[in-house]
Amino acid sequence: MEHKSDFLVLGGGIIGCSVAYFLSKTGASVTVLERGDTAFGTAGASGGLINWITCGETQMELFMRSQDMLEHLQEELGADFELNYNSYNMQIISNQIEWDASAQLVNDFKLPGFEAKLIDSYESHLLEPCVTEDMLGSIYVPRVHYLNPIKFALAYRNAAVKHGAKFVNGAEVTEILHEGARVIGAKAKGECWYAGTTINCTGVWSEKVSAMAGSTAPIHPIRGEFAITEPVKHFCNTTISSAQYQTIVQHPELFPAAAIKYNLGFSVEQTSTGACIIHGTREMNSGLDNGVIPEVIELLIQTACKFIPKLGTLRIMRTYAGVRPGTPDGDPYIGLVSGVPGFCECCGHGGEGIALSPATGEAIAELLIDGHTKHCDISRFSPDRVEKV
């Protein structure tokens, strides 16, 4: 059986759903092929924190545009994705080396209206009584946001469906269809899905799909591990994390081998249900295995409990891991592929897919409908740069 649409989006994660929404909003016909269920991959194994201080400098224009859009996007999509807009993040500093590294980070990373600052242990404890006073202080990061990533992806999806988009789950791509050098669609579920432009949003599987198309999009998987506690009365005002990340690379002698290998810090968010999400590992080049490593989970929980003692009294209800699509240079691939007409890359967002999804979807729609972007310059993310990586 054959199917035809203007655009074929491969992948129904946060990026694929965003692209589908912004394209369908223009009146174009859109089909999305998803190998599992919507947001079952990276988006389904994410914490939901949107923090500008963790965003790379090259991605800041996309990030800022996304933040401008995010404030009104919940209303536009017509769905509650538990957006806690314009909150703050506290990054705990445990020793002088971390303090010095954090001071450098705060000094180097200054944007108008986005100034982080160092605060001492006393002030940190006043803001978040649940944290121990046995610390040096923290980085206070204003203007960060938290949302439910699965509900966010579903909000994009459902809004796209209202605009006529078609989502097909359980449709793993087995072949990219060509007419000469031109990509004309994909094969999935034994059926052919044709489109004027095919967009690769398959996340950690993007490298394989790109190769089928005759393109190249190297992906470096990054695995993160998670633990979920039982729901309890709210005691955590915002997202609390560790400033440890920036010191592991500089001073590996201070940390156990597991902390170095898994770039271990911690981040804790208490959800609307009262459950706490504990995460904060970044295993680079991990492969696609999303199995939990018990000793890493144990170390993660121990680290978080050291600074938030209340966590030590809570039962862990489940653990899981997720894999994020990193790239060799840390930037995503966004744009049409020279030499492979009809094929567009939109993948490799690493841990920033949720944060960058609004501007990414908008930029792809502008590029493919109008021939150029209006709000963000995405030329630096061109997949044609791969040879230079």
Protein backbone atom coordinates (compact mmCIF):
# COMPACT_ATOMS: atom_id res chain seq x y z
CA MET A 1 0.00 0.00 0.00
CA GLU A 2 1.21 3.52 -0.80
CA HIS A 3 0.77 6.71 1.23
CA LYS A 4 1.56 10.26 0.14
CA SER A 5 2.01 13.55 2.00
CA ASP A 6 3.90 16.80 1.63
CA PHE A 7 6.26 15.95 4.48
CA LEU A 8 7.30 12.68 6.07
CA VAL A 9 8.70 13.02 9.59
CA LEU A 10 10.71 10.05 10.82
CA GLY A 11 10.57 9.83 14.61
CA GLY A 12 7.82 10.75 17.07
CA GLY A 13 9.91 12.09 19.93
CA ILE A 14 9.92 15.67 21.18
CA ILE A 15 11.69 16.99 18.05
CA GLY A 16 9.61 14.98 15.59
CA CYS A 17 6.37 16.05 17.27
CA SER A 18 7.45 19.70 17.27
CA VAL A 19 8.39 19.57 13.57
CA ALA A 20 5.06 17.88 12.76
CA TYR A 21 3.14 20.56 14.65
CA PHE A 22 4.81 23.56 13.06
CA LEU A 23 4.62 22.07 9.55
CA SER A 24 0.99 21.00 9.88
CA LYS A 25 0.09 24.44 11.22
CA THR A 26 0.96 25.85 7.77
CA GLY A 27 -1.66 23.65 6.14
CA ALA A 28 0.84 21.14 4.74
CA SER A 29 0.04 17.43 4.90
CA VAL A 30 2.32 15.64 7.37
CA THR A 31 2.85 11.99 8.24
CA VAL A 32 4.96 10.88 11.23
CA LEU A 33 6.43 7.38 11.42
CA GLU A 34 7.43 6.30 14.94
CA ARG A 35 9.14 2.99 15.68
CA GLY A 36 7.46 2.70 19.10
CA ASP A 37 5.02 5.10 20.75
CA THR A 38 5.09 8.89 20.96
CA ALA A 39 7.87 10.05 23.30
CA PHE A 40 8.81 6.48 24.25
CA GLY A 41 12.53 7.13 23.68
CA THR A 42 14.69 10.01 24.89
CA ALA A 43 11.79 12.31 25.81
CA GLY A 44 10.29 9.57 27.95
CA ALA A 45 13.52 9.31 29.93
CA SER A 46 14.22 12.97 30.60
CA GLY A 47 14.02 15.14 33.68
CA GLY A 48 12.24 18.11 32.11
CA LEU A 49 14.55 20.88 33.36
CA ILE A 50 15.15 23.73 30.91
CA ASN A 51 18.25 25.59 32.04
CA TRP A 52 20.05 28.22 30.00
CA ILE A 53 23.34 27.83 31.86
CA THR A 54 23.77 24.28 30.53
CA CYS A 55 23.13 25.32 26.93
CA GLY A 56 26.10 25.67 24.60
CA GLU A 57 27.00 29.14 23.36
CA THR A 58 26.41 28.16 19.72
CA GLN A 59 22.85 27.11 20.58
CA MET A 60 21.91 30.19 22.57
CA GLU A 61 19.95 31.91 19.79
CA LEU A 62 17.77 28.81 19.39
CA PHE A 63 17.44 28.57 23.16
CA MET A 64 16.38 32.19 23.61
CA ARG A 65 13.84 31.96 20.80
CA SER A 66 12.45 28.79 22.37
CA GLN A 67 12.08 30.55 25.72
CA ASP A 68 10.16 33.40 24.11
CA MET A 69 7.83 30.85 22.53
CA LEU A 70 7.52 28.60 25.58
CA GLU A 71 5.74 31.18 27.72
CA HIS A 72 2.69 31.07 25.43
CA LEU A 73 3.07 27.60 23.92
CA GLN A 74 1.01 25.82 26.56
CA GLU A 75 -1.98 27.99 25.64
CA GLU A 76 -1.27 27.68 21.91
CA LEU A 77 -1.11 23.89 22.03
CA GLY A 78 -4.19 23.74 24.23
CA ALA A 79 -2.72 21.30 26.74
CA ASP A 80 -1.32 21.34 30.25
CA PHE A 81 2.23 19.99 30.24
CA GLU A 82 2.92 21.09 33.82
CA LEU A 83 5.01 24.09 32.86
CA ASN A 84 6.65 25.82 35.81
CA TYR A 85 7.81 28.94 34.02
CA ASN A 86 10.47 31.36 35.22
CA SER A 87 11.59 29.49 38.31
CA TYR A 88 15.19 29.02 39.48
CA ASN A 89 17.77 26.27 39.79
CA MET A 90 20.14 25.78 42.71
CA GLN A 91 23.45 24.06 41.95
CA ILE A 92 25.09 22.92 45.18
CA ILE A 93 28.80 23.60 45.71
CA SER A 94 30.51 21.25 48.14
CA ASN A 95 34.16 22.39 48.20
CA GLN A 96 36.51 25.23 47.30
CA ILE A 97 37.54 23.75 43.96
CA GLU A 98 33.89 23.56 42.92
CA TRP A 99 33.40 27.12 44.18
CA ASP A 100 36.28 28.40 42.05
CA ALA A 101 35.05 26.52 38.96
CA SER A 102 31.52 27.80 39.56
CA ALA A 103 32.75 31.38 39.95
CA GLN A 104 34.47 31.09 36.58
CA LEU A 105 31.31 29.70 34.99
CA VAL A 106 29.16 32.51 36.39
CA ASN A 107 31.67 35.12 35.27
CA ASP A 108 31.98 33.71 31.75
CA PHE A 109 28.28 33.07 31.14
CA LYS A 110 26.50 36.42 31.33
CA LEU A 111 23.48 37.41 29.29
CA PRO A 112 21.22 40.43 29.83
CA GLY A 113 18.52 39.33 32.26
CA PHE A 114 20.15 35.93 32.74
CA GLU A 115 22.76 36.56 35.42
CA ALA A 116 23.53 33.65 37.73
CA LYS A 117 25.24 34.33 41.06
CA LEU A 118 27.02 32.51 43.86
CA ILE A 119 25.27 32.42 47.23
CA ASP A 120 26.58 31.09 50.53
CA SER A 121 25.37 28.10 52.51
CA TYR A 122 23.10 30.18 54.75
CA GLU A 123 21.28 31.87 51.87
CA SER A 124 21.03 28.57 49.99
CA HIS A 125 19.39 26.93 53.00
CA LEU A 126 16.93 29.82 53.35
CA LEU A 127 15.83 29.34 49.74
CA GLU A 128 15.69 25.56 50.02
CA PRO A 129 15.32 24.37 53.64
CA CYS A 130 15.52 20.75 52.45
CA VAL A 131 19.22 21.06 51.54
CA THR A 132 21.92 20.43 54.10
CA GLU A 133 23.86 23.34 55.56
CA ASP A 134 26.97 21.21 55.23
CA MET A 135 28.01 22.76 51.93
CA LEU A 136 29.97 25.77 50.78
CA GLY A 137 27.12 27.41 48.90
CA SER A 138 25.45 27.19 45.51
CA ILE A 139 24.99 28.73 42.10
CA TYR A 140 21.63 30.51 41.97
CA VAL A 141 20.39 30.29 38.38
CA PRO A 142 17.28 32.41 37.63
CA ARG A 143 14.83 32.09 34.75
CA VAL A 144 14.83 28.33 34.36
CA HIS A 145 11.75 26.24 33.68
CA TYR A 146 10.44 22.78 34.34
CA LEU A 147 7.85 20.77 32.44
CA ASN A 148 6.64 17.22 31.93
CA PRO A 149 8.48 16.07 28.78
CA ILE A 150 6.03 13.30 27.88
CA LYS A 151 3.04 15.61 28.21
CA PHE A 152 4.95 18.24 26.21
CA ALA A 153 5.55 15.80 23.34
CA LEU A 154 1.92 14.68 23.45
CA ALA A 155 0.78 18.31 23.39
CA TYR A 156 2.72 18.86 20.15
CA ARG A 157 1.37 15.60 18.76
CA ASN A 158 -2.28 16.25 19.58
CA ALA A 159 -2.11 19.81 18.26
CA ALA A 160 -0.53 18.52 15.04
CA VAL A 161 -3.31 15.94 14.67
CA LYS A 162 -5.87 18.74 14.98
CA HIS A 163 -4.13 20.38 12.01
CA GLY A 164 -4.42 17.16 10.02
CA ALA A 165 -1.11 15.41 10.74
CA LYS A 166 -1.13 11.61 10.75
CA PHE A 167 0.91 9.64 13.30
CA VAL A 168 1.75 5.99 12.71
CA ASN A 169 3.20 4.12 15.69
CA GLY A 170 5.04 0.82 15.54
CA ALA A 171 6.47 1.91 12.19
CA GLU A 172 10.22 1.39 12.23
CA VAL A 173 11.88 2.61 9.05
CA THR A 174 13.47 -0.28 7.18
CA GLU A 175 14.39 1.55 3.99
CA ILE A 176 14.71 5.07 2.63
CA LEU A 177 13.14 5.28 -0.82
CA HIS A 178 15.01 6.99 -3.66
CA GLU A 179 14.37 8.13 -7.18
CA GLY A 180 17.91 8.55 -8.43
CA ALA A 181 19.73 10.60 -5.79
CA ARG A 182 16.51 12.12 -4.51
CA VAL A 183 14.84 10.82 -1.35
CA ILE A 184 11.13 10.32 -2.01
CA GLY A 185 10.02 8.68 1.23
CA ALA A 186 10.52 5.66 3.43
CA LYS A 187 9.38 2.09 3.87
CA ALA A 188 7.90 0.95 7.18
CA LYS A 189 5.48 -1.81 8.20
CA GLY A 190 5.96 -3.25 4.73
CA GLU A 191 4.35 -0.17 3.17
CA CYS A 192 5.72 2.78 1.19
CA TRP A 193 5.29 6.29 2.54
CA TYR A 194 6.03 8.97 -0.07
CA ALA A 195 6.64 12.68 0.51
CA GLY A 196 8.16 15.73 -1.10
CA THR A 197 10.60 16.04 1.81
CA THR A 198 11.60 13.43 4.39
CA ILE A 199 12.84 14.74 7.75
CA ASN A 200 15.07 12.62 9.98
CA CYS A 201 14.08 13.18 13.63
CA THR A 202 14.94 9.69 14.85
CA GLY A 203 17.20 10.78 17.72
CA VAL A 204 19.72 8.14 18.76
CA TRP A 205 18.86 6.11 15.64
CA SER A 206 19.52 9.05 13.30
CA GLU A 207 22.94 7.89 12.14
CA LYS A 208 21.49 4.63 10.82
CA VAL A 209 18.59 6.38 9.09
CA SER A 210 20.93 8.99 7.59
CA ALA A 211 23.11 6.26 6.12
CA MET A 212 20.04 4.72 4.45
CA ALA A 213 19.38 8.08 2.81
CA GLY A 214 22.97 8.54 1.65
CA SER A 215 23.67 11.21 4.25
CA THR A 216 26.02 11.26 7.23
CA ALA A 217 24.99 12.27 10.75
CA PRO A 218 27.37 10.83 13.36
CA ILE A 219 25.61 10.30 16.70
CA HIS A 220 27.42 9.83 20.02
CA PRO A 221 24.89 8.28 22.45
CA ILE A 222 24.84 9.68 25.99
CA ARG A 223 23.17 7.52 28.63
CA GLY A 224 21.57 8.97 31.76
CA GLU A 225 20.15 7.03 34.72
CA PHE A 226 17.07 7.88 36.78
CA ALA A 227 15.41 6.94 40.06
CA ILE A 228 11.83 7.80 41.04
CA THR A 229 10.75 8.02 44.69
CA GLU A 230 7.38 7.45 46.27
CA PRO A 231 5.11 10.54 46.21
CA VAL A 232 5.22 12.66 49.37
CA LYS A 233 4.12 16.10 50.51
CA HIS A 234 6.07 18.79 48.68
CA PHE A 235 9.32 19.75 50.39
CA CYS A 236 11.43 20.82 47.41
CA ASN A 237 10.68 24.28 45.99
CA THR A 238 12.57 23.96 42.73
CA THR A 239 15.15 21.88 40.87
CA ILE A 240 18.25 21.23 42.96
CA SER A 241 21.38 19.94 41.28
CA SER A 242 25.12 19.67 41.72
CA ALA A 243 27.89 21.98 40.55
CA GLN A 244 30.10 18.91 40.37
CA TYR A 245 29.88 18.55 36.59
CA GLN A 246 32.31 21.37 35.84
CA THR A 247 34.98 20.06 38.22
CA ILE A 248 35.06 16.38 37.23
CA VAL A 249 36.94 17.08 34.01
CA GLN A 250 39.30 19.60 35.61
CA HIS A 251 40.09 17.60 38.75
CA PRO A 252 39.36 13.89 38.21
CA GLU A 253 41.62 12.99 41.15
CA LEU A 254 38.89 14.20 43.52
CA PHE A 255 36.32 11.67 42.35
CA PRO A 256 35.85 7.89 42.30
CA ALA A 257 36.27 6.12 38.97
CA ALA A 258 32.51 5.65 38.51
CA ALA A 259 31.89 9.39 38.96
CA ILE A 260 34.41 10.14 36.21
CA LYS A 261 33.14 7.51 33.77
CA TYR A 262 29.51 8.51 34.20
CA ASN A 263 30.16 12.25 34.69
CA LEU A 264 28.19 11.90 37.89
CA GLY A 265 26.43 14.80 39.51
CA PHE A 266 22.81 14.87 40.55
CA SER A 267 19.62 16.73 39.84
CA VAL A 268 16.38 16.44 41.80
CA GLU A 269 12.93 17.64 40.78
CA GLN A 270 9.74 17.03 42.71
CA THR A 271 6.84 16.52 40.32
CA SER A 272 3.25 17.68 40.67
CA THR A 273 2.38 14.25 42.10
CA GLY A 274 4.95 14.62 44.88
CA ALA A 275 7.36 12.02 43.50
CA CYS A 276 11.01 13.04 43.18
CA ILE A 277 13.03 12.40 40.04
CA ILE A 278 16.71 11.83 40.84
CA HIS A 279 19.07 11.89 37.88
CA GLY A 280 22.38 13.36 36.79
CA THR A 281 24.64 10.88 35.01
CA ARG A 282 26.12 11.43 31.55
CA GLU A 283 27.87 8.38 30.16
CA MET A 284 29.42 9.49 26.89
CA ASN A 285 29.51 7.14 23.86
CA SER A 286 27.40 4.69 25.83
CA GLY A 287 25.89 2.82 22.91
CA LEU A 288 22.13 2.36 22.60
CA ASP A 289 21.68 0.07 25.61
CA ASN A 290 19.25 1.75 28.01
CA GLY A 291 19.60 -0.81 30.77
CA VAL A 292 20.11 0.36 34.35
CA ILE A 293 23.51 -0.14 36.00
CA PRO A 294 22.74 -0.82 39.71
CA GLU A 295 26.02 0.51 41.12
CA VAL A 296 25.60 3.78 39.20
CA ILE A 297 22.04 4.22 40.46
CA GLU A 298 23.24 3.54 44.00
CA LEU A 299 26.02 6.12 43.73
CA LEU A 300 23.61 8.64 42.19
CA ILE A 301 21.13 8.24 45.05
CA GLN A 302 23.89 8.41 47.68
CA THR A 303 25.20 11.65 46.18
CA ALA A 304 21.75 13.25 46.12
CA CYS A 305 20.93 12.11 49.69
CA LYS A 306 24.15 13.64 50.98
CA PHE A 307 22.86 17.11 50.14
CA ILE A 308 19.10 16.51 50.40
CA PRO A 309 18.77 14.26 53.49
CA LYS A 310 14.99 13.91 53.13
CA LEU A 311 15.54 11.74 50.05
CA GLY A 312 17.15 9.09 52.23
CA THR A 313 13.83 8.48 53.99
CA LEU A 314 11.90 7.84 50.77
CA ARG A 315 11.34 4.56 48.99
CA ILE A 316 12.66 4.21 45.45
CA MET A 317 9.72 3.03 43.35
CA ARG A 318 11.50 2.45 40.06
CA THR A 319 14.71 3.07 38.16
CA TYR A 320 15.36 3.44 34.45
CA ALA A 321 17.85 4.82 31.95
CA GLY A 322 17.59 6.79 28.73
CA VAL A 323 19.94 7.53 25.85
CA ARG A 324 20.34 11.00 24.37
CA PRO A 325 21.59 11.74 20.83
CA GLY A 326 24.86 13.64 21.16
CA THR A 327 27.10 14.69 18.27
CA PRO A 328 30.89 14.97 17.88
CA ASP A 329 30.87 18.78 18.19
CA GLY A 330 27.92 19.01 20.59
CA ASP A 331 25.60 20.79 18.14
CA PRO A 332 22.51 19.32 16.45
CA TYR A 333 22.08 18.72 12.74
CA ILE A 334 19.32 20.97 11.40
CA GLY A 335 18.79 21.57 7.70
CA LEU A 336 18.62 20.16 4.19
CA VAL A 337 21.40 17.86 3.03
CA SER A 338 23.38 18.96 -0.03
CA GLY A 339 23.66 16.16 -2.55
CA VAL A 340 20.64 14.33 -1.13
CA PRO A 341 17.63 16.29 -2.39
CA GLY A 342 14.39 15.70 -0.55
CA PHE A 343 16.14 14.84 2.73
CA CYS A 344 16.41 16.99 5.84
CA GLU A 345 18.25 16.29 9.09
CA CYS A 346 16.80 17.40 12.43
CA CYS A 347 18.55 15.39 15.10
CA GLY A 348 21.46 15.26 17.55
CA HIS A 349 20.12 17.69 20.16
CA GLY A 350 21.79 15.81 23.02
CA GLY A 351 20.24 16.78 26.35
CA GLU A 352 18.71 19.99 24.98
CA GLY A 353 15.98 18.55 22.76
CA ILE A 354 13.15 19.60 25.07
CA ALA A 355 14.56 23.10 25.54
CA LEU A 356 15.25 23.68 21.84
CA SER A 357 12.17 21.97 20.42
CA PRO A 358 10.00 25.09 19.91
CA ALA A 359 12.55 27.04 17.87
CA THR A 360 13.77 23.91 16.08
CA GLY A 361 10.29 22.97 14.87
CA GLU A 362 9.59 26.55 13.86
CA ALA A 363 12.89 26.85 11.96
CA ILE A 364 12.33 23.61 10.03
CA ALA A 365 8.83 24.74 9.03
CA GLU A 366 10.13 28.14 7.90
CA LEU A 367 12.98 26.56 5.94
CA LEU A 368 10.83 23.98 4.16
CA ILE A 369 7.79 26.17 3.53
CA ASP A 370 9.39 29.58 2.87
CA GLY A 371 12.86 28.53 1.78
CA HIS A 372 14.58 30.40 4.61
CA THR A 373 14.33 30.88 8.37
CA LYS A 374 12.92 34.09 9.83
CA HIS A 375 13.76 33.95 13.53
CA CYS A 376 16.98 31.96 13.95
CA ASP A 377 20.10 31.48 11.86
CA ILE A 378 20.51 27.70 11.64
CA SER A 379 23.39 27.69 9.13
CA ARG A 380 25.87 26.67 11.85
CA PHE A 381 23.84 23.50 12.39
CA SER A 382 23.93 22.45 8.74
CA PRO A 383 24.46 18.70 8.31
CA ASP A 384 26.92 19.61 5.55
CA ARG A 385 29.44 20.53 8.26
CA VAL A 386 29.99 16.86 9.14
CA GLU A 387 33.22 16.59 7.16
CA LYS A 388 34.61 19.43 9.30
CA VAL A 389 33.75 17.80 12.65
